[in-house]
């Protein structure tokens, strides 16, 4: 990574991270799309985790390019 890239990353607007946790390593685009599909499915089922799945799906969808 070039020095200029590091500064560009610092200017991005990420969702707040709880101070007690750490960010995961970067997912591949394919992994991100798989995770997004899973979260959308869980959200649509309307179970006890649907609200959280919907929130996470929106966060991921805002960060990854569409598959098409």
C-alpha atoms as a PDB file:
ATOM      1  CA  UNK A   1       0.000   0.000   0.000  1.00  0.00           C
ATOM      2  CA  UNK A   2       1.323   3.404  -0.902  1.00  0.00           C
ATOM      3  CA  UNK A   3       1.420   6.214   1.668  1.00  0.00           C
ATOM      4  CA  UNK A   4      -1.232   8.159  -0.275  1.00  0.00           C
ATOM      5  CA  UNK A   5      -3.625   5.189  -0.049  1.00  0.00           C
ATOM      6  CA  UNK A   6      -3.322   5.134   3.742  1.00  0.00           C
ATOM      7  CA  UNK A   7      -4.451   8.746   4.030  1.00  0.00           C
ATOM      8  CA  UNK A   8      -7.350   8.149   1.645  1.00  0.00           C
ATOM      9  CA  UNK A   9      -8.561   5.268   3.838  1.00  0.00           C
ATOM     10  CA  UNK A  10      -8.478   7.487   6.908  1.00  0.00           C
ATOM     11  CA  UNK A  11     -10.847   9.932   5.200  1.00  0.00           C
ATOM     12  CA  UNK A  12     -13.510   7.285   4.454  1.00  0.00           C
ATOM     13  CA  UNK A  13     -16.696   7.314   6.468  1.00  0.00           C
ATOM     14  CA  UNK A  14     -17.051   3.926   8.162  1.00  0.00           C
ATOM     15  CA  UNK A  15     -19.774   2.815  10.537  1.00  0.00           C
ATOM     16  CA  UNK A  16     -18.779   3.309  14.173  1.00  0.00           C
ATOM     17  CA  UNK A  17     -16.996   0.364  15.742  1.00  0.00           C
ATOM     18  CA  UNK A  18     -17.576  -0.582  19.336  1.00  0.00           C
ATOM     19  CA  UNK A  19     -14.424   0.125  21.295  1.00  0.00           C
ATOM     20  CA  UNK A  20     -14.463  -3.358  22.814  1.00  0.00           C
ATOM     21  CA  UNK A  21     -14.203  -5.100  19.429  1.00  0.00           C
ATOM     22  CA  UNK A  22     -11.845  -5.229  16.506  1.00  0.00           C
ATOM     23  CA  UNK A  23     -12.566  -5.074  12.781  1.00  0.00           C
ATOM     24  CA  UNK A  24     -12.348  -8.283  10.816  1.00  0.00           C
ATOM     25  CA  UNK A  25      -9.883  -8.728   8.012  1.00  0.00           C
ATOM     26  CA  UNK A  26     -11.135  -7.535   4.632  1.00  0.00           C
ATOM     27  CA  UNK A  27     -13.538  -9.900   2.885  1.00  0.00           C
ATOM     28  CA  UNK A  28     -13.202 -10.756  -0.776  1.00  0.00           C
ATOM     29  CA  UNK A  29     -15.936  -9.313  -2.958  1.00  0.00           C
ATOM     30  CA  UNK A  30     -17.378 -12.797  -3.439  1.00  0.00           C
ATOM     31  CA  UNK A  31     -17.431 -13.377   0.336  1.00  0.00           C
ATOM     32  CA  UNK A  32     -19.134 -10.024   0.881  1.00  0.00           C
ATOM     33  CA  UNK A  33     -21.850 -10.895  -1.653  1.00  0.00           C
ATOM     34  CA  UNK A  34     -22.337 -14.327  -0.034  1.00  0.00           C
ATOM     35  CA  UNK A  35     -22.671 -12.730   3.384  1.00  0.00           C
ATOM     36  CA  UNK A  36     -25.073 -10.124   2.040  1.00  0.00           C
ATOM     37  CA  UNK A  37     -27.300 -12.831   0.512  1.00  0.00           C
ATOM     38  CA  UNK A  38     -27.309 -14.721   3.811  1.00  0.00           C
ATOM     39  CA  UNK A  39     -28.220 -11.613   5.801  1.00  0.00           C
ATOM     40  CA  UNK A  40     -31.023 -10.677   3.397  1.00  0.00           C
ATOM     41  CA  UNK A  41     -32.427 -14.210   3.699  1.00  0.00           C
ATOM     42  CA  UNK A  42     -32.319 -14.109   7.520  1.00  0.00           C
ATOM     43  CA  UNK A  43     -33.886 -10.654   7.489  1.00  0.00           C
ATOM     44  CA  UNK A  44     -36.746 -11.801   5.244  1.00  0.00           C
ATOM     45  CA  UNK A  45     -37.595 -14.740   7.525  1.00  0.00           C
ATOM     46  CA  UNK A  46     -38.788 -12.363  10.231  1.00  0.00           C
ATOM     47  CA  UNK A  47     -37.248 -14.250  13.148  1.00  0.00           C
ATOM     48  CA  UNK A  48     -35.605 -12.823  16.276  1.00  0.00           C
ATOM     49  CA  UNK A  49     -32.444 -11.911  14.338  1.00  0.00           C
ATOM     50  CA  UNK A  50     -34.185 -10.349  11.341  1.00  0.00           C
ATOM     51  CA  UNK A  51     -33.845  -6.765  12.548  1.00  0.00           C
ATOM     52  CA  UNK A  52     -30.088  -7.100  13.156  1.00  0.00           C
ATOM     53  CA  UNK A  53     -29.627  -8.996   9.884  1.00  0.00           C
ATOM     54  CA  UNK A  54     -31.408  -6.190   8.036  1.00  0.00           C
ATOM     55  CA  UNK A  55     -29.200  -3.560   9.660  1.00  0.00           C
ATOM     56  CA  UNK A  56     -26.016  -5.463   8.797  1.00  0.00           C
ATOM     57  CA  UNK A  57     -27.200  -6.141   5.242  1.00  0.00           C
ATOM     58  CA  UNK A  58     -27.717  -2.414   4.704  1.00  0.00           C
ATOM     59  CA  UNK A  59     -24.251  -1.631   6.097  1.00  0.00           C
ATOM     60  CA  UNK A  60     -22.576  -4.166   3.810  1.00  0.00           C
ATOM     61  CA  UNK A  61     -24.644  -3.199   0.763  1.00  0.00           C
ATOM     62  CA  UNK A  62     -23.530   0.398   1.184  1.00  0.00           C
ATOM     63  CA  UNK A  63     -19.873  -0.646   1.088  1.00  0.00           C
ATOM     64  CA  UNK A  64     -19.616  -3.219  -1.707  1.00  0.00           C
ATOM     65  CA  UNK A  65     -20.286  -2.812  -5.406  1.00  0.00           C
ATOM     66  CA  UNK A  66     -23.298  -4.664  -6.768  1.00  0.00           C
ATOM     67  CA  UNK A  67     -22.826  -8.040  -8.432  1.00  0.00           C
ATOM     68  CA  UNK A  68     -24.241  -6.789 -11.740  1.00  0.00           C
END
